[in-house]
Amino acid sequence: MLAVVAVYPSGHQVLIGFAHSQADVDSLVDDACKANGGREALIARGIHFNVELAC
């Protein structure tokens, strides 16, 4: 299982959700971008996403 995490410039991390496949990861990231003004808006604020193995 994979954990999708939003990482803010301050280092703060927020769990976006869990995924089982790349398609699930893409869907979670797309939904987070849509809910927050789009991918460009998040990039402009310095927010990026990490995908980590969830144990």
PDB file of N, CA and C in Angstrom:
ATOM      1  N   MET A   1       0.847  -1.170   0.000  1.00  0.00           N
ATOM      2  CA  MET A   1       0.000   0.000   0.000  1.00  0.00           C
ATOM      3  C   MET A   1       0.896   1.238   0.000  1.00  0.00           C
ATOM      4  N   LEU A   2       0.445   2.265  -0.658  1.00  0.00           N
ATOM      5  CA  LEU A   2       1.185   3.517  -0.778  1.00  0.00           C
ATOM      6  C   LEU A   2       0.452   4.646  -0.067  1.00  0.00           C
ATOM      7  N   ALA A   3       1.211   5.524   0.553  1.00  0.00           N
ATOM      8  CA  ALA A   3       0.647   6.719   1.178  1.00  0.00           C
ATOM      9  C   ALA A   3       0.995   7.912   0.303  1.00  0.00           C
ATOM     10  N   VAL A   4       0.008   8.740  -0.010  1.00  0.00           N
ATOM     11  CA  VAL A   4       0.212   9.947  -0.796  1.00  0.00           C
ATOM     12  C   VAL A   4       0.177  11.126   0.175  1.00  0.00           C
ATOM     13  N   VAL A   5       1.273  11.898   0.183  1.00  0.00           N
ATOM     14  CA  VAL A   5       1.454  12.957   1.169  1.00  0.00           C
ATOM     15  C   VAL A   5       1.730  14.279   0.465  1.00  0.00           C
ATOM     16  N   ALA A   6       1.026  15.345   0.891  1.00  0.00           N
ATOM     17  CA  ALA A   6       1.326  16.698   0.417  1.00  0.00           C
ATOM     18  C   ALA A   6       2.407  17.266   1.331  1.00  0.00           C
ATOM     19  N   VAL A   7       3.446  17.844   0.721  1.00  0.00           N
ATOM     20  CA  VAL A   7       4.561  18.407   1.481  1.00  0.00           C
ATOM     21  C   VAL A   7       4.604  19.911   1.228  1.00  0.00           C
ATOM     22  N   TYR A   8       4.506  20.684   2.316  1.00  0.00           N
ATOM     23  CA  TYR A   8       4.505  22.141   2.244  1.00  0.00           C
ATOM     24  C   TYR A   8       5.931  22.670   2.387  1.00  0.00           C
ATOM     25  N   PRO A   9       6.194  23.886   1.918  1.00  0.00           N
ATOM     26  CA  PRO A   9       7.540  24.462   2.006  1.00  0.00           C
ATOM     27  C   PRO A   9       8.096  24.490   3.431  1.00  0.00           C
ATOM     28  N   SER A  10       7.225  24.587   4.421  1.00  0.00           N
ATOM     29  CA  SER A  10       7.661  24.606   5.822  1.00  0.00           C
ATOM     30  C   SER A  10       8.125  23.236   6.293  1.00  0.00           C
ATOM     31  N   GLY A  11       7.860  22.206   5.500  1.00  0.00           N
ATOM     32  CA  GLY A  11       8.189  20.846   5.890  1.00  0.00           C
ATOM     33  C   GLY A  11       6.993  20.092   6.447  1.00  0.00           C
ATOM     34  N   HIS A  12       5.898  20.820   6.694  1.00  0.00           N
ATOM     35  CA  HIS A  12       4.666  20.199   7.189  1.00  0.00           C
ATOM     36  C   HIS A  12       4.157  19.211   6.148  1.00  0.00           C
ATOM     37  N   GLN A  13       3.701  18.041   6.599  1.00  0.00           N
ATOM     38  CA  GLN A  13       3.181  17.018   5.702  1.00  0.00           C
ATOM     39  C   GLN A  13       1.752  16.686   6.065  1.00  0.00           C
ATOM     40  N   VAL A  14       0.923  16.495   5.024  1.00  0.00           N
ATOM     41  CA  VAL A  14      -0.479  16.141   5.226  1.00  0.00           C
ATOM     42  C   VAL A  14      -0.781  14.906   4.389  1.00  0.00           C
ATOM     43  N   LEU A  15      -1.301  13.879   5.046  1.00  0.00           N
ATOM     44  CA  LEU A  15      -1.686  12.661   4.346  1.00  0.00           C
ATOM     45  C   LEU A  15      -2.897  12.953   3.467  1.00  0.00           C
ATOM     46  N   ILE A  16      -2.773  12.677   2.182  1.00  0.00           N
ATOM     47  CA  ILE A  16      -3.871  12.873   1.235  1.00  0.00           C
ATOM     48  C   ILE A  16      -4.725  11.609   1.159  1.00  0.00           C
ATOM     49  N   GLY A  17      -4.081  10.450   1.211  1.00  0.00           N
ATOM     50  CA  GLY A  17      -4.819   9.193   1.169  1.00  0.00           C
ATOM     51  C   GLY A  17      -3.903   8.026   0.888  1.00  0.00           C
ATOM     52  N   PHE A  18      -4.510   6.855   0.796  1.00  0.00           N
ATOM     53  CA  PHE A  18      -3.773   5.633   0.516  1.00  0.00           C
ATOM     54  C   PHE A  18      -4.131   5.127  -0.869  1.00  0.00           C
ATOM     55  N   ALA A  19      -3.169   4.480  -1.519  1.00  0.00           N
ATOM     56  CA  ALA A  19      -3.368   4.003  -2.883  1.00  0.00           C
ATOM     57  C   ALA A  19      -2.791   2.597  -3.028  1.00  0.00           C
ATOM     58  N   HIS A  20      -3.360   1.870  -3.994  1.00  0.00           N
ATOM     59  CA  HIS A  20      -2.873   0.525  -4.287  1.00  0.00           C
ATOM     60  C   HIS A  20      -2.157   0.458  -5.630  1.00  0.00           C
ATOM     61  N   SER A  21      -2.322   1.487  -6.463  1.00  0.00           N
ATOM     62  CA  SER A  21      -1.741   1.475  -7.804  1.00  0.00           C
ATOM     63  C   SER A  21      -1.376   2.896  -8.228  1.00  0.00           C
ATOM     64  N   GLN A  22      -0.651   2.992  -9.331  1.00  0.00           N
ATOM     65  CA  GLN A  22      -0.298   4.305  -9.869  1.00  0.00           C
ATOM     66  C   GLN A  22      -1.546   5.080 -10.258  1.00  0.00           C
ATOM     67  N   ALA A  23      -2.548   4.394 -10.760  1.00  0.00           N
ATOM     68  CA  ALA A  23      -3.809   5.059 -11.130  1.00  0.00           C
ATOM     69  C   ALA A  23      -4.474   5.664  -9.897  1.00  0.00           C
ATOM     70  N   ASP A  24      -4.422   4.955  -8.777  1.00  0.00           N
ATOM     71  CA  ASP A  24      -4.980   5.480  -7.532  1.00  0.00           C
ATOM     72  C   ASP A  24      -4.211   6.715  -7.071  1.00  0.00           C
ATOM     73  N   VAL A  25      -2.883   6.672  -7.179  1.00  0.00           N
ATOM     74  CA  VAL A  25      -2.042   7.813  -6.808  1.00  0.00           C
ATOM     75  C   VAL A  25      -2.417   9.019  -7.661  1.00  0.00           C
ATOM     76  N   ASP A  26      -2.477   8.805  -8.966  1.00  0.00           N
ATOM     77  CA  ASP A  26      -2.816   9.892  -9.888  1.00  0.00           C
ATOM     78  C   ASP A  26      -4.177  10.497  -9.563  1.00  0.00           C
ATOM     79  N   SER A  27      -5.136   9.655  -9.229  1.00  0.00           N
ATOM     80  CA  SER A  27      -6.477  10.131  -8.904  1.00  0.00           C
ATOM     81  C   SER A  27      -6.469  10.976  -7.625  1.00  0.00           C
ATOM     82  N   LEU A  28      -5.751  10.536  -6.601  1.00  0.00           N
ATOM     83  CA  LEU A  28      -5.664  11.293  -5.355  1.00  0.00           C
ATOM     84  C   LEU A  28      -5.018  12.660  -5.576  1.00  0.00           C
ATOM     85  N   VAL A  29      -3.933  12.677  -6.337  1.00  0.00           N
ATOM     86  CA  VAL A  29      -3.226  13.939  -6.606  1.00  0.00           C
ATOM     87  C   VAL A  29      -4.107  14.861  -7.436  1.00  0.00           C
ATOM     88  N   ASP A  30      -4.766  14.321  -8.458  1.00  0.00           N
ATOM     89  CA  ASP A  30      -5.661  15.141  -9.287  1.00  0.00           C
ATOM     90  C   ASP A  30      -6.792  15.741  -8.457  1.00  0.00           C
ATOM     91  N   ASP A  31      -7.379  14.938  -7.572  1.00  0.00           N
ATOM     92  CA  ASP A  31      -8.466  15.432  -6.724  1.00  0.00           C
ATOM     93  C   ASP A  31      -7.973  16.532  -5.789  1.00  0.00           C
ATOM     94  N   ALA A  32      -6.777  16.359  -5.217  1.00  0.00           N
ATOM     95  CA  ALA A  32      -6.212  17.371  -4.320  1.00  0.00           C
ATOM     96  C   ALA A  32      -5.933  18.666  -5.083  1.00  0.00           C
ATOM     97  N   CYS A  33      -5.445  18.540  -6.308  1.00  0.00           N
ATOM     98  CA  CYS A  33      -5.169  19.727  -7.114  1.00  0.00           C
ATOM     99  C   CYS A  33      -6.460  20.467  -7.454  1.00  0.00           C
ATOM    100  N   LYS A  34      -7.484  19.728  -7.871  1.00  0.00           N
ATOM    101  CA  LYS A  34      -8.758  20.348  -8.222  1.00  0.00           C
ATOM    102  C   LYS A  34      -9.372  21.070  -7.028  1.00  0.00           C
ATOM    103  N   ALA A  35      -9.242  20.493  -5.854  1.00  0.00           N
ATOM    104  CA  ALA A  35      -9.845  21.064  -4.647  1.00  0.00           C
ATOM    105  C   ALA A  35      -9.104  22.297  -4.136  1.00  0.00           C
ATOM    106  N   ASN A  36      -7.885  22.523  -4.663  1.00  0.00           N
ATOM    107  CA  ASN A  36      -7.057  23.622  -4.152  1.00  0.00           C
ATOM    108  C   ASN A  36      -6.585  24.588  -5.233  1.00  0.00           C
ATOM    109  N   GLY A  37      -7.367  24.754  -6.272  1.00  0.00           N
ATOM    110  CA  GLY A  37      -7.066  25.758  -7.276  1.00  0.00           C
ATOM    111  C   GLY A  37      -6.252  25.291  -8.461  1.00  0.00           C
ATOM    112  N   GLY A  38      -5.989  24.008  -8.552  1.00  0.00           N
ATOM    113  CA  GLY A  38      -5.254  23.472  -9.691  1.00  0.00           C
ATOM    114  C   GLY A  38      -3.785  23.213  -9.397  1.00  0.00           C
ATOM    115  N   ARG A  39      -3.202  22.423 -10.248  1.00  0.00           N
ATOM    116  CA  ARG A  39      -1.804  22.004 -10.082  1.00  0.00           C
ATOM    117  C   ARG A  39      -0.847  23.201 -10.081  1.00  0.00           C
ATOM    118  N   GLU A  40      -1.082  24.167 -10.970  1.00  0.00           N
ATOM    119  CA  GLU A  40      -0.199  25.332 -11.048  1.00  0.00           C
ATOM    120  C   GLU A  40      -0.227  26.147  -9.758  1.00  0.00           C
ATOM    121  N   ALA A  41      -1.414  26.258  -9.147  1.00  0.00           N
ATOM    122  CA  ALA A  41      -1.544  26.998  -7.896  1.00  0.00           C
ATOM    123  C   ALA A  41      -0.750  26.327  -6.780  1.00  0.00           C
ATOM    124  N   LEU A  42      -0.783  25.015  -6.732  1.00  0.00           N
ATOM    125  CA  LEU A  42      -0.023  24.300  -5.704  1.00  0.00           C
ATOM    126  C   LEU A  42       1.484  24.429  -5.937  1.00  0.00           C
ATOM    127  N   ILE A  43       1.886  24.339  -7.176  1.00  0.00           N
ATOM    128  CA  ILE A  43       3.307  24.498  -7.510  1.00  0.00           C
ATOM    129  C   ILE A  43       3.771  25.900  -7.134  1.00  0.00           C
ATOM    130  N   ALA A  44       2.947  26.901  -7.429  1.00  0.00           N
ATOM    131  CA  ALA A  44       3.307  28.286  -7.106  1.00  0.00           C
ATOM    132  C   ALA A  44       3.464  28.491  -5.600  1.00  0.00           C
ATOM    133  N   ARG A  45       2.713  27.732  -4.806  1.00  0.00           N
ATOM    134  CA  ARG A  45       2.813  27.834  -3.346  1.00  0.00           C
ATOM    135  C   ARG A  45       3.912  26.945  -2.778  1.00  0.00           C
ATOM    136  N   GLY A  46       4.594  26.201  -3.653  1.00  0.00           N
ATOM    137  CA  GLY A  46       5.698  25.354  -3.217  1.00  0.00           C
ATOM    138  C   GLY A  46       5.272  24.015  -2.643  1.00  0.00           C
ATOM    139  N   ILE A  47       4.048  23.610  -2.916  1.00  0.00           N
ATOM    140  CA  ILE A  47       3.532  22.342  -2.402  1.00  0.00           C
ATOM    141  C   ILE A  47       3.796  21.245  -3.436  1.00  0.00           C
ATOM    142  N   HIS A  48       4.320  20.119  -2.952  1.00  0.00           N
ATOM    143  CA  HIS A  48       4.502  18.980  -3.840  1.00  0.00           C
ATOM    144  C   HIS A  48       4.004  17.717  -3.143  1.00  0.00           C
ATOM    145  N   PHE A  49       3.949  16.633  -3.872  1.00  0.00           N
ATOM    146  CA  PHE A  49       3.420  15.379  -3.347  1.00  0.00           C
ATOM    147  C   PHE A  49       4.512  14.324  -3.322  1.00  0.00           C
ATOM    148  N   ASN A  50       4.539  13.559  -2.241  1.00  0.00           N
ATOM    149  CA  ASN A  50       5.414  12.402  -2.125  1.00  0.00           C
ATOM    150  C   ASN A  50       4.548  11.165  -2.064  1.00  0.00           C
ATOM    151  N   VAL A  51       5.072  10.093  -2.609  1.00  0.00           N
ATOM    152  CA  VAL A  51       4.418   8.781  -2.508  1.00  0.00           C
ATOM    153  C   VAL A  51       5.378   7.909  -1.728  1.00  0.00           C
ATOM    154  N   GLU A  52       4.875   7.348  -0.622  1.00  0.00           N
ATOM    155  CA  GLU A  52       5.717   6.580   0.285  1.00  0.00           C
ATOM    156  C   GLU A  52       5.084   5.218   0.523  1.00  0.00           C
ATOM    157  N   LEU A  53       5.925   4.242   0.769  1.00  0.00           N
ATOM    158  CA  LEU A  53       5.434   2.918   1.119  1.00  0.00           C
ATOM    159  C   LEU A  53       4.828   2.966   2.510  1.00  0.00           C
ATOM    160  N   ALA A  54       3.575   2.554   2.633  1.00  0.00           N
ATOM    161  CA  ALA A  54       2.891   2.558   3.935  1.00  0.00           C
ATOM    162  C   ALA A  54       3.041   1.179   4.553  1.00  0.00           C
ATOM    163  N   CYS A  55       3.523   1.127   5.760  1.00  0.00           N
ATOM    164  CA  CYS A  55       3.721  -0.164   6.448  1.00  0.00           C
ATOM    165  C   CYS A  55       2.648  -0.399   7.471  1.00  0.00           C
TER     166      CYS A  55
END
